[in-house]
Amino acid sequence: MQEYARHTGQLDVARELIDGVTGE
């Protein structure tokens, strides 16, 4: 479960960076 949360967290960060770039 913790490993899954870790991967999800990384994806969240990546998505946030992408969203920020596409958002602007």
Protein backbone atom coordinates (compact mmCIF):
# COMPACT_ATOMS: atom_id res chain seq x y z
CA MET A 1 0.00 0.00 0.00
CA GLN A 2 2.78 2.41 0.90
CA GLU A 3 4.62 1.71 -2.36
CA TYR A 4 1.43 2.40 -4.31
CA ALA A 5 0.93 5.69 -2.47
CA ARG A 6 4.53 6.55 -3.28
CA HIS A 7 3.99 6.00 -7.00
CA THR A 8 0.73 7.91 -6.88
CA GLY A 9 2.49 10.79 -5.16
CA GLN A 10 5.12 10.93 -7.87
CA LEU A 11 2.43 10.92 -10.53
CA ASP A 12 0.60 13.69 -8.67
CA VAL A 13 3.74 15.82 -8.68
CA ALA A 14 4.35 15.17 -12.37
CA ARG A 15 0.71 15.95 -13.19
CA GLU A 16 0.92 19.14 -11.16
CA LEU A 17 4.00 20.23 -13.10
CA ILE A 18 2.33 19.39 -16.42
CA ASP A 19 -0.92 21.07 -15.37
CA GLY A 20 1.03 24.16 -14.37
CA VAL A 21 2.77 24.31 -17.74
CA THR A 22 -0.39 23.68 -19.76
CA GLY A 23 -2.44 25.89 -17.45
CA GLU A 24 -0.18 28.82 -18.21
